[in-house]
Amino acid sequence: MTHEEFETELKKHPVLVTYFSHDECNVCKVLKPQVREIVSGFKDAAFLYVNTKESMEIAGQFMVFAVPTIILFYEGREAKRYSRHISLRDFEEFLTRMSG
C-alpha cells in the first residue's frame, strides 16, 4: 500500500480502523478476522489492513513499532490506538461510542 492509497482511504471513511501487522505474526492472524468482524457491525466504519513489512513508510509515519496495532481514525485523525495486548471488548466499546 502506498502513502497515497492510504490517504485516499483515510479521506473516504469517517471512521477508519487500521490494522497493522505482518504475515509472520501468529497473534495478528488470529485477531485480524475478529477485528474485521467487529468493524463490519458498524455502518460508518471501514477496516483497512496494513502489512508493516510491505508498507514500512506508513508504519513509520504512525510510529507503529509493535504488532498487532490497531489505530482508529475519526474524520482523518487518530482517535485511539491499541497495541500488542488488545482487549476486543474495550475496542468494540470504544468503536460503539465513536460511531454512536
N, C-alpha and C. Protein backbone atom coordinates (compact mmCIF):
# COMPACT_ATOMS: atom_id res chain seq x y z
N MET A 1 0.85 -1.17 0.00
CA MET A 1 0.00 0.00 0.00
C MET A 1 0.90 1.24 0.00
N THR A 2 0.56 2.17 -0.86
CA THR A 2 1.33 3.41 -0.93
C THR A 2 0.75 4.45 0.02
N HIS A 3 1.52 5.45 0.27
CA HIS A 3 1.07 6.56 1.11
C HIS A 3 -0.18 7.20 0.51
N GLU A 4 -0.21 7.36 -0.80
CA GLU A 4 -1.35 7.98 -1.48
C GLU A 4 -2.61 7.13 -1.33
N GLU A 5 -2.47 5.80 -1.45
CA GLU A 5 -3.61 4.90 -1.28
C GLU A 5 -4.15 4.98 0.15
N PHE A 6 -3.24 5.05 1.10
CA PHE A 6 -3.66 5.17 2.50
C PHE A 6 -4.42 6.46 2.72
N GLU A 7 -3.90 7.57 2.22
CA GLU A 7 -4.57 8.87 2.38
C GLU A 7 -5.95 8.87 1.74
N THR A 8 -6.09 8.20 0.61
CA THR A 8 -7.40 8.10 -0.06
C THR A 8 -8.39 7.38 0.84
N GLU A 9 -7.99 6.27 1.43
CA GLU A 9 -8.86 5.53 2.34
C GLU A 9 -9.22 6.36 3.56
N LEU A 10 -8.26 7.07 4.08
CA LEU A 10 -8.47 7.91 5.26
C LEU A 10 -9.52 8.99 4.99
N LYS A 11 -9.49 9.57 3.81
CA LYS A 11 -10.45 10.61 3.44
C LYS A 11 -11.83 10.04 3.11
N LYS A 12 -11.86 8.82 2.64
CA LYS A 12 -13.10 8.20 2.16
C LYS A 12 -14.04 7.78 3.29
N HIS A 13 -13.48 7.41 4.44
CA HIS A 13 -14.27 6.82 5.52
C HIS A 13 -14.23 7.70 6.77
N PRO A 14 -15.41 8.03 7.33
CA PRO A 14 -15.42 8.85 8.56
C PRO A 14 -14.76 8.14 9.73
N VAL A 15 -14.93 6.82 9.81
CA VAL A 15 -14.28 6.02 10.84
C VAL A 15 -13.48 4.93 10.12
N LEU A 16 -12.16 4.98 10.28
CA LEU A 16 -11.30 4.00 9.64
C LEU A 16 -10.51 3.25 10.71
N VAL A 17 -10.72 1.95 10.75
CA VAL A 17 -9.99 1.08 11.68
C VAL A 17 -8.84 0.47 10.89
N THR A 18 -7.62 0.85 11.24
CA THR A 18 -6.44 0.40 10.52
C THR A 18 -5.72 -0.65 11.36
N TYR A 19 -5.57 -1.83 10.77
CA TYR A 19 -4.97 -2.97 11.46
C TYR A 19 -3.57 -3.17 10.91
N PHE A 20 -2.57 -2.87 11.72
CA PHE A 20 -1.17 -3.00 11.34
C PHE A 20 -0.64 -4.35 11.84
N SER A 21 -0.09 -5.15 10.93
CA SER A 21 0.53 -6.42 11.31
C SER A 21 1.38 -6.91 10.14
N HIS A 22 1.85 -8.13 10.25
CA HIS A 22 2.56 -8.76 9.14
C HIS A 22 2.31 -10.26 9.18
N ASP A 23 2.68 -10.93 8.11
CA ASP A 23 2.32 -12.34 7.93
C ASP A 23 2.99 -13.30 8.91
N GLU A 24 4.10 -12.91 9.51
CA GLU A 24 4.79 -13.81 10.44
C GLU A 24 4.23 -13.75 11.86
N CYS A 25 3.30 -12.86 12.12
CA CYS A 25 2.74 -12.69 13.47
C CYS A 25 1.51 -13.58 13.63
N ASN A 26 1.65 -14.63 14.43
CA ASN A 26 0.54 -15.56 14.62
C ASN A 26 -0.62 -14.95 15.40
N VAL A 27 -0.32 -14.15 16.40
CA VAL A 27 -1.38 -13.47 17.16
C VAL A 27 -2.17 -12.56 16.22
N CYS A 28 -1.46 -11.89 15.33
CA CYS A 28 -2.11 -11.00 14.36
C CYS A 28 -3.08 -11.76 13.47
N LYS A 29 -2.68 -12.94 13.05
CA LYS A 29 -3.52 -13.77 12.18
C LYS A 29 -4.81 -14.17 12.89
N VAL A 30 -4.74 -14.41 14.18
CA VAL A 30 -5.92 -14.81 14.94
C VAL A 30 -6.84 -13.60 15.18
N LEU A 31 -6.27 -12.47 15.49
CA LEU A 31 -7.07 -11.28 15.80
C LEU A 31 -7.69 -10.61 14.58
N LYS A 32 -7.00 -10.65 13.47
CA LYS A 32 -7.45 -9.92 12.28
C LYS A 32 -8.90 -10.22 11.89
N PRO A 33 -9.33 -11.49 11.74
CA PRO A 33 -10.73 -11.72 11.37
C PRO A 33 -11.71 -11.30 12.46
N GLN A 34 -11.29 -11.37 13.72
CA GLN A 34 -12.16 -10.94 14.81
C GLN A 34 -12.39 -9.43 14.78
N VAL A 35 -11.31 -8.69 14.54
CA VAL A 35 -11.41 -7.23 14.44
C VAL A 35 -12.26 -6.86 13.23
N ARG A 36 -12.01 -7.51 12.09
CA ARG A 36 -12.78 -7.23 10.87
C ARG A 36 -14.27 -7.49 11.11
N GLU A 37 -14.59 -8.55 11.83
CA GLU A 37 -15.99 -8.88 12.13
C GLU A 37 -16.63 -7.80 12.99
N ILE A 38 -15.93 -7.33 14.00
CA ILE A 38 -16.46 -6.26 14.85
C ILE A 38 -16.72 -5.02 14.01
N VAL A 39 -15.76 -4.64 13.19
CA VAL A 39 -15.89 -3.43 12.36
C VAL A 39 -17.07 -3.55 11.39
N SER A 40 -17.31 -4.74 10.88
CA SER A 40 -18.39 -4.93 9.91
C SER A 40 -19.77 -4.63 10.51
N GLY A 41 -19.87 -4.63 11.83
CA GLY A 41 -21.13 -4.32 12.50
C GLY A 41 -21.44 -2.84 12.60
N PHE A 42 -20.56 -2.00 12.11
CA PHE A 42 -20.74 -0.55 12.18
C PHE A 42 -20.79 0.02 10.77
N LYS A 43 -21.94 0.59 10.41
CA LYS A 43 -22.12 1.02 9.01
C LYS A 43 -21.18 2.16 8.60
N ASP A 44 -20.76 2.99 9.52
CA ASP A 44 -19.89 4.12 9.17
C ASP A 44 -18.40 3.79 9.27
N ALA A 45 -18.08 2.58 9.72
CA ALA A 45 -16.68 2.22 9.93
C ALA A 45 -16.18 1.32 8.79
N ALA A 46 -14.90 1.47 8.49
CA ALA A 46 -14.26 0.64 7.47
C ALA A 46 -13.00 0.03 8.08
N PHE A 47 -12.64 -1.14 7.58
CA PHE A 47 -11.46 -1.87 8.04
C PHE A 47 -10.38 -1.77 6.97
N LEU A 48 -9.15 -1.47 7.38
CA LEU A 48 -8.03 -1.41 6.46
C LEU A 48 -6.85 -2.16 7.06
N TYR A 49 -6.30 -3.09 6.29
CA TYR A 49 -5.14 -3.87 6.72
C TYR A 49 -3.88 -3.24 6.13
N VAL A 50 -2.88 -3.03 6.99
CA VAL A 50 -1.58 -2.53 6.54
C VAL A 50 -0.52 -3.52 6.98
N ASN A 51 0.16 -4.11 5.99
CA ASN A 51 1.25 -5.03 6.27
C ASN A 51 2.49 -4.17 6.56
N THR A 52 2.99 -4.24 7.79
CA THR A 52 4.08 -3.36 8.21
C THR A 52 5.39 -3.67 7.50
N LYS A 53 5.56 -4.88 7.01
CA LYS A 53 6.80 -5.22 6.30
C LYS A 53 6.77 -4.73 4.86
N GLU A 54 5.57 -4.63 4.28
CA GLU A 54 5.43 -4.16 2.91
C GLU A 54 5.19 -2.65 2.83
N SER A 55 4.67 -2.07 3.90
CA SER A 55 4.34 -0.65 3.93
C SER A 55 5.06 0.03 5.09
N MET A 56 6.38 -0.06 5.06
CA MET A 56 7.18 0.49 6.17
C MET A 56 7.02 2.00 6.30
N GLU A 57 6.81 2.69 5.20
CA GLU A 57 6.65 4.14 5.24
C GLU A 57 5.41 4.52 6.06
N ILE A 58 4.31 3.82 5.83
CA ILE A 58 3.07 4.11 6.56
C ILE A 58 3.23 3.74 8.03
N ALA A 59 3.80 2.57 8.29
CA ALA A 59 4.03 2.15 9.68
C ALA A 59 4.92 3.17 10.40
N GLY A 60 5.94 3.64 9.74
CA GLY A 60 6.83 4.64 10.33
C GLY A 60 6.15 5.98 10.56
N GLN A 61 5.31 6.38 9.61
CA GLN A 61 4.58 7.65 9.74
C GLN A 61 3.74 7.67 11.01
N PHE A 62 3.14 6.52 11.35
CA PHE A 62 2.29 6.45 12.53
C PHE A 62 2.99 5.80 13.72
N MET A 63 4.31 5.66 13.63
CA MET A 63 5.13 5.14 14.71
C MET A 63 4.61 3.81 15.25
N VAL A 64 4.35 2.91 14.35
CA VAL A 64 3.93 1.56 14.70
C VAL A 64 5.19 0.70 14.81
N PHE A 65 5.53 0.34 16.03
CA PHE A 65 6.74 -0.43 16.29
C PHE A 65 6.45 -1.85 16.75
N ALA A 66 5.21 -2.12 17.12
CA ALA A 66 4.82 -3.45 17.59
C ALA A 66 3.55 -3.87 16.87
N VAL A 67 3.43 -5.17 16.66
CA VAL A 67 2.22 -5.69 16.04
C VAL A 67 1.59 -6.73 16.93
N PRO A 68 0.28 -6.88 16.91
CA PRO A 68 -0.63 -6.07 16.14
C PRO A 68 -0.84 -4.70 16.78
N THR A 69 -1.12 -3.72 15.94
CA THR A 69 -1.52 -2.39 16.39
C THR A 69 -2.77 -2.02 15.62
N ILE A 70 -3.75 -1.51 16.34
CA ILE A 70 -4.98 -1.01 15.72
C ILE A 70 -5.03 0.49 15.99
N ILE A 71 -5.19 1.25 14.93
CA ILE A 71 -5.38 2.70 15.09
C ILE A 71 -6.75 3.04 14.52
N LEU A 72 -7.58 3.67 15.35
CA LEU A 72 -8.89 4.13 14.92
C LEU A 72 -8.77 5.59 14.54
N PHE A 73 -9.14 5.89 13.32
CA PHE A 73 -9.14 7.26 12.83
C PHE A 73 -10.57 7.75 12.75
N TYR A 74 -10.80 8.94 13.25
CA TYR A 74 -12.11 9.58 13.17
C TYR A 74 -11.93 10.88 12.41
N GLU A 75 -12.61 10.97 11.26
CA GLU A 75 -12.52 12.14 10.38
C GLU A 75 -11.06 12.49 10.08
N GLY A 76 -10.26 11.46 9.79
CA GLY A 76 -8.88 11.65 9.37
C GLY A 76 -7.85 11.81 10.46
N ARG A 77 -8.29 11.82 11.71
CA ARG A 77 -7.36 11.99 12.83
C ARG A 77 -7.37 10.77 13.74
N GLU A 78 -6.20 10.48 14.29
CA GLU A 78 -6.11 9.35 15.22
C GLU A 78 -6.94 9.63 16.46
N ALA A 79 -7.87 8.71 16.76
CA ALA A 79 -8.73 8.86 17.93
C ALA A 79 -8.33 7.91 19.05
N LYS A 80 -7.80 6.74 18.69
CA LYS A 80 -7.45 5.74 19.70
C LYS A 80 -6.48 4.74 19.09
N ARG A 81 -5.62 4.21 19.93
CA ARG A 81 -4.62 3.23 19.49
C ARG A 81 -4.59 2.07 20.48
N TYR A 82 -4.55 0.88 19.92
CA TYR A 82 -4.39 -0.35 20.71
C TYR A 82 -3.17 -1.06 20.17
N SER A 83 -2.33 -1.56 21.05
CA SER A 83 -1.12 -2.22 20.59
C SER A 83 -0.80 -3.43 21.45
N ARG A 84 -0.35 -4.47 20.80
CA ARG A 84 0.10 -5.73 21.39
C ARG A 84 -0.99 -6.47 22.14
N HIS A 85 -1.28 -6.10 23.36
CA HIS A 85 -2.28 -6.80 24.16
C HIS A 85 -3.61 -6.07 24.00
N ILE A 86 -4.43 -6.56 23.09
CA ILE A 86 -5.64 -5.86 22.69
C ILE A 86 -6.85 -6.53 23.31
N SER A 87 -7.65 -5.75 24.01
CA SER A 87 -8.92 -6.23 24.53
C SER A 87 -9.98 -5.94 23.46
N LEU A 88 -10.50 -7.00 22.86
CA LEU A 88 -11.52 -6.81 21.83
C LEU A 88 -12.78 -6.18 22.40
N ARG A 89 -13.08 -6.47 23.65
CA ARG A 89 -14.26 -5.86 24.29
C ARG A 89 -14.07 -4.35 24.42
N ASP A 90 -12.90 -3.92 24.90
CA ASP A 90 -12.62 -2.48 25.00
C ASP A 90 -12.64 -1.82 23.63
N PHE A 91 -12.06 -2.49 22.64
CA PHE A 91 -12.05 -1.99 21.28
C PHE A 91 -13.47 -1.79 20.76
N GLU A 92 -14.32 -2.80 20.94
CA GLU A 92 -15.70 -2.70 20.46
C GLU A 92 -16.48 -1.62 21.20
N GLU A 93 -16.27 -1.50 22.50
CA GLU A 93 -16.95 -0.46 23.28
C GLU A 93 -16.54 0.93 22.81
N PHE A 94 -15.26 1.12 22.54
CA PHE A 94 -14.80 2.43 22.07
C PHE A 94 -15.39 2.73 20.69
N LEU A 95 -15.40 1.74 19.83
CA LEU A 95 -15.96 1.91 18.48
C LEU A 95 -17.44 2.24 18.56
N THR A 96 -18.13 1.65 19.48
CA THR A 96 -19.57 1.94 19.69
C THR A 96 -19.75 3.40 20.10
N ARG A 97 -18.95 3.86 21.05
CA ARG A 97 -19.04 5.27 21.48
C ARG A 97 -18.69 6.22 20.35
N MET A 98 -17.68 5.86 19.57
CA MET A 98 -17.22 6.72 18.48
C MET A 98 -18.24 6.78 17.35
N SER A 99 -18.90 5.68 17.08
CA SER A 99 -19.84 5.61 15.97
C SER A 99 -21.23 6.07 16.37
N GLY A 100 -21.48 6.13 17.66
CA GLY A 100 -22.81 6.38 18.18
C GLY A 100 -23.32 7.73 17.97
